[in-house]
Amino acid sequence: MSVNPQVDIPTRLEDLLSPKWLSAALGTRFPGIAVTAATPGPMVNRMSANLRFRIECADGLPEGLPPHLHAKGYFTEASRMTRGTGVSEVRFYRDLAAGTGMRTLRNIYADLDPATHDNVLITQDAIAEGAVFLDAHSEYTPDQAAESLAELAKLHAATWCDPAVGASSWLGKRLGIHLERRGLKEISGNFDGPVGAGVPEEARDARRLVEAYRALDVLAADESPWCVIHGDAHIGNLYLDGGGRPCFADWQLVKRGPWYLDVGYHIASALTIADRRKSERDLLHHYLDRLRAGGVDAPGGQDAWRGFRLGIVHGFFLWSITLKVDPGITSVLQARLGTAVADHDSFAALGV
């Protein structure tokens, strides 16, 4: 674990694509590499820049390094204002991912400058290897959800109450940070407009949702047992690899927390309402079985079911404050999660 970045973190896209910088960065894992060219491909600019690119090397590529790579960083003045959001993701890939055994993007280079919060992540270009990234409009079956829950169980079991993980201050963010940024105004705007049209009346109460999430923040902060959680385990942070297997990406909200924040959120967001209603109990039991297979004394009975009900609120709040995502996707996820909250009276489970 580096205290200082191994090489200077690029703050401009042209710096990242320079053969000199790439040779230095990739040389930390592939000593002696000499990158001779980097050809940019498609780029998606959101809060961060996501660039696919191809490299060429003198004497060919070293074993284990694919030619097609993907970089995630903060290369514009506007995005640099939010560069701190990438720190946890970079730390996850650099310090934790390999030890979890779960399927995620293969880390090629990940580092940050703790003084400035500048950070960059280079992974395999999964699309070039046949991957398909999903969203709320993608067909996703209960059998696939069982696979993705098994991946979450690997993450949770590998970090379950681990003292070393507990000492990592970068994983200590509380849920309440989301309440500091958005809340009643944004939720009311969604619920009163077309985006929130599919949220049932029982869950369409912005003030009650804020109160429920505040209660969940307090509860989750002291909940034990805890583990590392993805933190934003909706279907849009999944991709199917070249073999069709579900894998998780986008780790910006990774943190310590109770298992159910991932599991309730994932089941209620990844499946249609009808499929979720038919399969949720079986999927919860499947997840708990995989957790036990990982050596964990998993919760059971009413404790597990209560956790599932609470986890749905986490996802419902995050999507109810969402403003800058395709409204069609936001609408689907608000409807799925809001219906699950109504089905399970999840607000009442939090005393609200």
Protein backbone atom coordinates (compact mmCIF):
# COMPACT_ATOMS: atom_id res chain seq x y z
CA MET A 1 0.00 0.00 0.00
CA SER A 2 1.67 3.19 -1.16
CA VAL A 3 1.70 6.33 0.98
CA ASN A 4 2.66 8.46 -2.01
CA PRO A 5 1.77 7.77 -5.63
CA GLN A 6 4.29 5.59 -7.43
CA VAL A 7 4.22 7.96 -10.40
CA ASP A 8 2.66 11.39 -10.83
CA ILE A 9 -1.12 11.10 -11.23
CA PRO A 10 -2.17 12.60 -14.59
CA THR A 11 -4.65 15.47 -14.46
CA ARG A 12 -4.93 15.86 -18.24
CA LEU A 13 -6.02 13.21 -20.73
CA GLU A 14 -3.02 13.88 -22.96
CA ASP A 15 -0.72 13.14 -20.01
CA LEU A 16 -2.40 9.80 -19.35
CA LEU A 17 -2.08 8.81 -23.02
CA SER A 18 1.58 9.78 -23.28
CA PRO A 19 3.87 6.76 -23.86
CA LYS A 20 6.23 8.14 -21.20
CA TRP A 21 3.59 8.19 -18.46
CA LEU A 22 2.09 4.85 -19.45
CA SER A 23 5.55 3.24 -19.47
CA ALA A 24 6.20 4.52 -15.95
CA ALA A 25 2.77 3.56 -14.58
CA LEU A 26 2.52 0.15 -16.19
CA GLY A 27 6.18 -0.46 -15.38
CA THR A 28 5.25 -0.76 -11.71
CA ARG A 29 3.65 -4.10 -12.61
CA PHE A 30 5.46 -4.92 -15.85
CA PRO A 31 9.08 -3.84 -15.30
CA GLY A 32 10.92 -2.71 -18.40
CA ILE A 33 7.80 -2.07 -20.47
CA ALA A 34 8.22 0.57 -23.17
CA VAL A 35 4.89 1.87 -24.48
CA THR A 36 5.39 3.35 -27.93
CA ALA A 37 1.84 4.47 -28.76
CA ALA A 38 -1.61 4.86 -27.20
CA THR A 39 -4.60 5.18 -29.49
CA PRO A 40 -7.74 6.63 -27.86
CA GLY A 41 -11.10 5.01 -28.46
CA PRO A 42 -14.62 5.83 -27.24
CA MET A 43 -14.91 8.05 -24.16
CA VAL A 44 -17.85 8.65 -21.84
CA ASN A 45 -17.77 11.81 -19.73
CA ARG A 46 -19.90 11.81 -16.60
CA MET A 47 -18.60 12.84 -13.21
CA SER A 48 -15.41 11.10 -14.31
CA ALA A 49 -13.95 10.44 -17.75
CA ASN A 50 -14.07 6.83 -18.91
CA LEU A 51 -11.77 6.20 -21.86
CA ARG A 52 -11.11 3.04 -23.81
CA PHE A 53 -7.72 2.97 -25.51
CA ARG A 54 -5.20 0.64 -27.15
CA ILE A 55 -1.47 0.49 -26.50
CA GLU A 56 1.52 -0.71 -28.49
CA CYS A 57 4.85 -1.64 -26.95
CA ALA A 58 8.39 -2.05 -28.14
CA ASP A 59 9.19 -5.77 -28.38
CA GLY A 60 5.47 -6.57 -28.02
CA LEU A 61 3.18 -6.68 -25.03
CA PRO A 62 4.45 -8.36 -21.86
CA GLU A 63 2.65 -11.51 -20.79
CA GLY A 64 -0.55 -10.74 -18.90
CA LEU A 65 -1.05 -7.23 -20.29
CA PRO A 66 -3.92 -6.88 -22.79
CA PRO A 67 -3.59 -4.30 -25.57
CA HIS A 68 -7.06 -2.89 -24.95
CA LEU A 69 -7.36 -0.92 -21.71
CA HIS A 70 -9.84 1.32 -19.94
CA ALA A 71 -8.95 4.40 -17.89
CA LYS A 72 -11.09 6.21 -15.36
CA GLY A 73 -10.00 9.58 -14.05
CA TYR A 74 -10.75 13.27 -13.60
CA PHE A 75 -9.21 15.21 -16.45
CA THR A 76 -11.30 18.38 -16.78
CA GLU A 77 -11.64 21.38 -14.49
CA ALA A 78 -15.29 20.49 -13.84
CA SER A 79 -14.59 16.85 -13.00
CA ARG A 80 -11.61 17.71 -10.80
CA MET A 81 -14.04 19.31 -8.36
CA THR A 82 -15.44 15.80 -7.74
CA ARG A 83 -12.21 13.79 -7.98
CA GLY A 84 -12.50 12.75 -4.34
CA THR A 85 -15.35 10.43 -5.32
CA GLY A 86 -12.87 8.20 -7.11
CA VAL A 87 -10.55 7.68 -4.14
CA SER A 88 -12.45 4.78 -2.58
CA GLU A 89 -12.77 2.97 -5.89
CA VAL A 90 -9.04 3.26 -6.56
CA ARG A 91 -8.26 2.05 -3.03
CA PHE A 92 -10.60 -0.90 -3.51
CA TYR A 93 -8.93 -2.02 -6.72
CA ARG A 94 -5.43 -1.32 -5.43
CA ASP A 95 -5.73 -2.73 -1.91
CA LEU A 96 -8.68 -5.11 -1.65
CA ALA A 97 -10.12 -6.48 -4.89
CA ALA A 98 -7.65 -9.29 -5.51
CA GLY A 99 -8.18 -10.73 -2.04
CA THR A 100 -11.96 -10.99 -2.32
CA GLY A 101 -12.04 -13.56 -5.12
CA MET A 102 -15.05 -11.91 -6.71
CA ARG A 103 -15.45 -11.10 -10.38
CA THR A 104 -14.78 -7.48 -11.21
CA LEU A 105 -12.69 -5.53 -13.71
CA ARG A 106 -9.08 -6.69 -13.74
CA ASN A 107 -6.87 -4.02 -12.22
CA ILE A 108 -3.86 -3.01 -14.32
CA TYR A 109 -2.90 0.17 -12.46
CA ALA A 110 -4.59 2.05 -9.62
CA ASP A 111 -3.11 4.80 -7.51
CA LEU A 112 -3.82 8.19 -5.97
CA ASP A 113 -2.16 11.18 -4.41
CA PRO A 114 -3.48 11.39 -0.83
CA ALA A 115 -2.53 15.07 -0.60
CA THR A 116 -4.51 16.23 -3.65
CA HIS A 117 -6.99 13.32 -4.05
CA ASP A 118 -5.94 13.05 -7.71
CA ASN A 119 -6.50 9.45 -8.77
CA VAL A 120 -6.53 7.21 -11.80
CA LEU A 121 -7.66 3.66 -12.49
CA ILE A 122 -6.61 1.53 -15.47
CA THR A 123 -8.30 -1.83 -15.98
CA GLN A 124 -8.87 -4.31 -18.74
CA ASP A 125 -11.21 -3.10 -21.48
CA ALA A 126 -13.95 -5.62 -20.72
CA ILE A 127 -15.96 -4.61 -23.79
CA ALA A 128 -13.06 -5.51 -26.07
CA GLU A 129 -13.10 -8.93 -24.39
CA GLY A 130 -16.79 -9.46 -25.13
CA ALA A 131 -18.44 -8.00 -22.03
CA VAL A 132 -21.91 -6.44 -22.07
CA PHE A 133 -22.72 -3.74 -19.51
CA LEU A 134 -26.27 -3.75 -18.14
CA ASP A 135 -28.85 -1.18 -17.12
CA ALA A 136 -32.42 -1.18 -15.81
CA HIS A 137 -33.76 -1.99 -19.28
CA SER A 138 -31.62 -5.16 -19.55
CA GLU A 139 -33.26 -8.54 -19.14
CA TYR A 140 -31.98 -10.11 -15.93
CA THR A 141 -33.31 -13.37 -14.57
CA PRO A 142 -33.56 -14.76 -11.02
CA ASP A 143 -30.92 -17.35 -11.95
CA GLN A 144 -28.55 -14.55 -12.93
CA ALA A 145 -29.39 -12.72 -9.72
CA ALA A 146 -28.39 -15.85 -7.80
CA GLU A 147 -24.99 -15.66 -9.51
CA SER A 148 -24.47 -11.99 -8.70
CA LEU A 149 -25.54 -12.55 -5.10
CA ALA A 150 -22.93 -15.30 -4.88
CA GLU A 151 -20.34 -12.72 -5.96
CA LEU A 152 -21.49 -10.34 -3.23
CA ALA A 153 -21.25 -13.22 -0.75
CA LYS A 154 -17.57 -13.68 -1.74
CA LEU A 155 -16.87 -10.01 -1.01
CA HIS A 156 -18.75 -10.07 2.28
CA ALA A 157 -17.27 -13.35 3.52
CA ALA A 158 -13.70 -12.32 2.62
CA THR A 159 -13.97 -9.15 4.72
CA TRP A 160 -16.40 -10.24 7.46
CA CYS A 161 -15.41 -8.36 10.64
CA ASP A 162 -11.77 -8.43 9.48
CA PRO A 163 -9.71 -6.29 11.93
CA ALA A 164 -7.37 -5.12 9.16
CA VAL A 165 -10.34 -3.92 7.16
CA GLY A 166 -11.78 -2.30 10.26
CA ALA A 167 -8.62 -0.23 10.62
CA SER A 168 -8.97 1.21 7.10
CA SER A 169 -10.30 4.73 7.62
CA TRP A 170 -11.12 5.16 3.92
CA LEU A 171 -13.86 2.54 4.31
CA GLY A 172 -15.56 4.31 7.19
CA LYS A 173 -18.01 6.57 5.34
CA ARG A 174 -21.50 6.68 6.83
CA LEU A 175 -24.67 6.58 4.75
CA GLY A 176 -25.53 10.03 6.04
CA ILE A 177 -23.08 11.65 3.63
CA HIS A 178 -25.77 11.24 0.97
CA LEU A 179 -28.22 13.20 3.13
CA GLU A 180 -25.74 16.08 3.25
CA ARG A 181 -25.80 16.43 -0.53
CA ARG A 182 -29.41 15.81 -1.51
CA GLY A 183 -32.67 15.06 0.21
CA LEU A 184 -36.21 16.28 0.54
CA LYS A 185 -36.14 18.76 -2.36
CA GLU A 186 -34.77 16.27 -4.90
CA ILE A 187 -36.98 13.40 -3.75
CA SER A 188 -40.10 15.55 -3.86
CA GLY A 189 -39.20 16.69 -7.36
CA ASN A 190 -38.90 13.10 -8.53
CA PHE A 191 -42.04 11.88 -6.76
CA ASP A 192 -44.15 14.79 -8.03
CA GLY A 193 -43.00 14.40 -11.64
CA PRO A 194 -43.09 11.74 -14.34
CA VAL A 195 -39.89 10.04 -13.16
CA GLY A 196 -41.53 8.89 -9.93
CA ALA A 197 -44.88 7.99 -11.48
CA GLY A 198 -44.38 4.27 -10.83
CA VAL A 199 -43.72 4.63 -7.11
CA PRO A 200 -46.75 3.32 -5.19
CA GLU A 201 -48.60 5.67 -2.86
CA GLU A 202 -47.49 3.73 0.24
CA ALA A 203 -43.86 4.65 -0.54
CA ARG A 204 -44.40 8.06 -2.17
CA ASP A 205 -43.64 10.12 0.91
CA ALA A 206 -40.45 12.15 0.56
CA ARG A 207 -40.30 13.25 4.18
CA ARG A 208 -40.84 9.73 5.49
CA LEU A 209 -38.12 8.40 3.17
CA VAL A 210 -35.63 10.97 4.47
CA GLU A 211 -36.51 10.06 8.07
CA ALA A 212 -36.18 6.36 7.28
CA TYR A 213 -32.78 6.86 5.68
CA ARG A 214 -31.59 8.93 8.62
CA ALA A 215 -32.64 6.08 10.92
CA LEU A 216 -30.88 3.57 8.65
CA ASP A 217 -27.69 5.65 8.80
CA VAL A 218 -27.67 5.50 12.60
CA LEU A 219 -28.47 1.79 12.64
CA ALA A 220 -25.93 0.77 9.99
CA ALA A 221 -23.12 2.76 11.63
CA ASP A 222 -23.27 0.54 14.73
CA GLU A 223 -24.47 -2.69 13.12
CA SER A 224 -22.44 -5.82 13.79
CA PRO A 225 -21.45 -8.04 12.10
CA TRP A 226 -20.17 -5.83 9.29
CA CYS A 227 -18.21 -6.39 6.10
CA VAL A 228 -17.06 -4.49 3.03
CA ILE A 229 -20.06 -3.75 0.84
CA HIS A 230 -20.25 -2.56 -2.75
CA GLY A 231 -22.64 0.16 -1.60
CA ASP A 232 -24.43 0.71 -4.92
CA ALA A 233 -25.32 -2.78 -6.06
CA HIS A 234 -27.96 -1.98 -8.69
CA ILE A 235 -28.13 -3.65 -12.10
CA GLY A 236 -26.42 -0.72 -13.83
CA ASN A 237 -23.22 -1.56 -11.98
CA LEU A 238 -23.18 -5.08 -13.42
CA TYR A 239 -21.73 -6.44 -16.62
CA LEU A 240 -21.76 -9.90 -18.18
CA ASP A 241 -18.26 -11.02 -19.09
CA GLY A 242 -17.37 -12.81 -22.33
CA GLY A 243 -18.66 -16.03 -20.81
CA GLY A 244 -21.99 -14.46 -19.80
CA ARG A 245 -21.17 -14.39 -16.07
CA PRO A 246 -22.33 -11.45 -13.91
CA CYS A 247 -19.54 -9.21 -12.59
CA PHE A 248 -19.58 -6.01 -10.53
CA ALA A 249 -18.08 -2.66 -11.54
CA ASP A 250 -18.17 0.95 -10.26
CA TRP A 251 -16.94 0.91 -6.67
CA GLN A 252 -17.24 4.60 -5.82
CA LEU A 253 -19.58 3.91 -2.87
CA VAL A 254 -17.63 0.98 -1.38
CA LYS A 255 -17.59 1.09 2.43
CA ARG A 256 -17.93 -0.95 5.62
CA GLY A 257 -21.51 -1.81 6.47
CA PRO A 258 -24.04 -4.57 7.11
CA TRP A 259 -24.46 -7.18 4.39
CA TYR A 260 -28.10 -6.38 3.81
CA LEU A 261 -27.42 -2.93 2.31
CA ASP A 262 -26.10 -4.76 -0.76
CA VAL A 263 -28.48 -7.70 -0.78
CA GLY A 264 -31.87 -6.01 -0.34
CA TYR A 265 -30.88 -3.27 -2.79
CA HIS A 266 -29.57 -5.74 -5.37
CA ILE A 267 -32.53 -8.08 -5.40
CA ALA A 268 -35.08 -5.26 -5.54
CA SER A 269 -33.29 -3.34 -8.30
CA ALA A 270 -31.98 -6.09 -10.57
CA LEU A 271 -35.26 -7.93 -11.16
CA THR A 272 -38.66 -6.96 -12.47
CA ILE A 273 -41.27 -6.51 -9.78
CA ALA A 274 -42.96 -9.77 -10.72
CA ASP A 275 -39.71 -11.78 -10.72
CA ARG A 276 -38.61 -10.24 -7.44
CA ARG A 277 -41.89 -11.11 -5.75
CA LYS A 278 -41.66 -14.73 -6.91
CA SER A 279 -38.00 -15.33 -6.10
CA GLU A 280 -36.85 -12.95 -3.33
CA ARG A 281 -37.05 -15.42 -0.45
CA ASP A 282 -35.25 -18.14 -2.39
CA LEU A 283 -32.59 -15.64 -3.47
CA LEU A 284 -32.06 -14.43 0.09
CA HIS A 285 -31.63 -18.02 1.28
CA HIS A 286 -29.23 -18.66 -1.60
CA TYR A 287 -27.10 -15.66 -0.64
CA LEU A 288 -26.99 -16.77 3.01
CA ASP A 289 -25.98 -20.29 1.94
CA ARG A 290 -23.10 -18.86 -0.11
CA LEU A 291 -22.08 -16.69 2.85
CA ARG A 292 -21.93 -19.79 5.05
CA ALA A 293 -19.92 -21.58 2.37
CA GLY A 294 -17.41 -18.74 2.75
CA GLY A 295 -16.96 -19.60 6.42
CA VAL A 296 -19.34 -17.02 7.90
CA ASP A 297 -21.85 -17.65 10.67
CA ALA A 298 -24.61 -16.05 8.63
CA PRO A 299 -27.76 -14.58 10.15
CA GLY A 300 -30.98 -16.48 9.72
CA GLY A 301 -34.70 -16.40 10.32
CA GLN A 302 -36.34 -13.09 11.19
CA ASP A 303 -33.00 -11.30 11.55
CA ALA A 304 -32.13 -12.05 7.94
CA TRP A 305 -35.58 -11.08 6.69
CA ARG A 306 -35.49 -7.84 8.65
CA GLY A 307 -32.12 -7.04 7.08
CA PHE A 308 -33.51 -7.64 3.62
CA ARG A 309 -36.36 -5.20 4.28
CA LEU A 310 -33.92 -2.55 5.46
CA GLY A 311 -31.53 -2.96 2.55
CA ILE A 312 -34.26 -2.01 0.10
CA VAL A 313 -34.50 1.45 1.72
CA HIS A 314 -30.84 2.12 0.94
CA GLY A 315 -31.39 1.61 -2.77
CA PHE A 316 -34.71 3.44 -2.81
CA PHE A 317 -33.16 6.53 -1.23
CA LEU A 318 -30.19 6.59 -3.61
CA TRP A 319 -32.42 6.40 -6.67
CA SER A 320 -34.97 8.84 -5.27
CA ILE A 321 -32.28 11.55 -5.01
CA THR A 322 -30.90 10.77 -8.49
CA LEU A 323 -31.10 13.64 -10.97
CA LYS A 324 -28.53 13.23 -13.74
CA VAL A 325 -29.19 9.71 -15.02
CA ASP A 326 -31.38 8.86 -18.02
CA PRO A 327 -34.93 9.50 -16.67
CA GLY A 328 -36.14 6.21 -18.17
CA ILE A 329 -33.63 4.26 -16.08
CA THR A 330 -34.30 6.29 -12.94
CA SER A 331 -38.03 5.76 -13.35
CA VAL A 332 -37.70 1.98 -13.62
CA LEU A 333 -35.49 1.71 -10.55
CA GLN A 334 -37.61 4.04 -8.43
CA ALA A 335 -40.66 1.97 -9.30
CA ARG A 336 -38.96 -1.35 -8.53
CA LEU A 337 -37.45 -0.21 -5.24
CA GLY A 338 -40.47 1.81 -4.15
CA THR A 339 -42.75 -1.15 -4.78
CA ALA A 340 -40.45 -3.38 -2.71
CA VAL A 341 -40.54 -0.83 0.12
CA ALA A 342 -44.34 -0.86 -0.02
CA ASP A 343 -44.54 -4.66 -0.27
CA HIS A 344 -42.43 -5.09 2.88
CA ASP A 345 -43.44 -2.01 4.85
CA SER A 346 -39.74 -1.17 5.05
CA PHE A 347 -40.27 2.29 6.56
CA ALA A 348 -42.04 0.70 9.53
CA ALA A 349 -39.11 -1.69 9.95
CA LEU A 350 -37.05 1.42 10.71
CA GLY A 351 -39.61 2.78 13.13
CA VAL A 352 -40.79 5.51 10.76
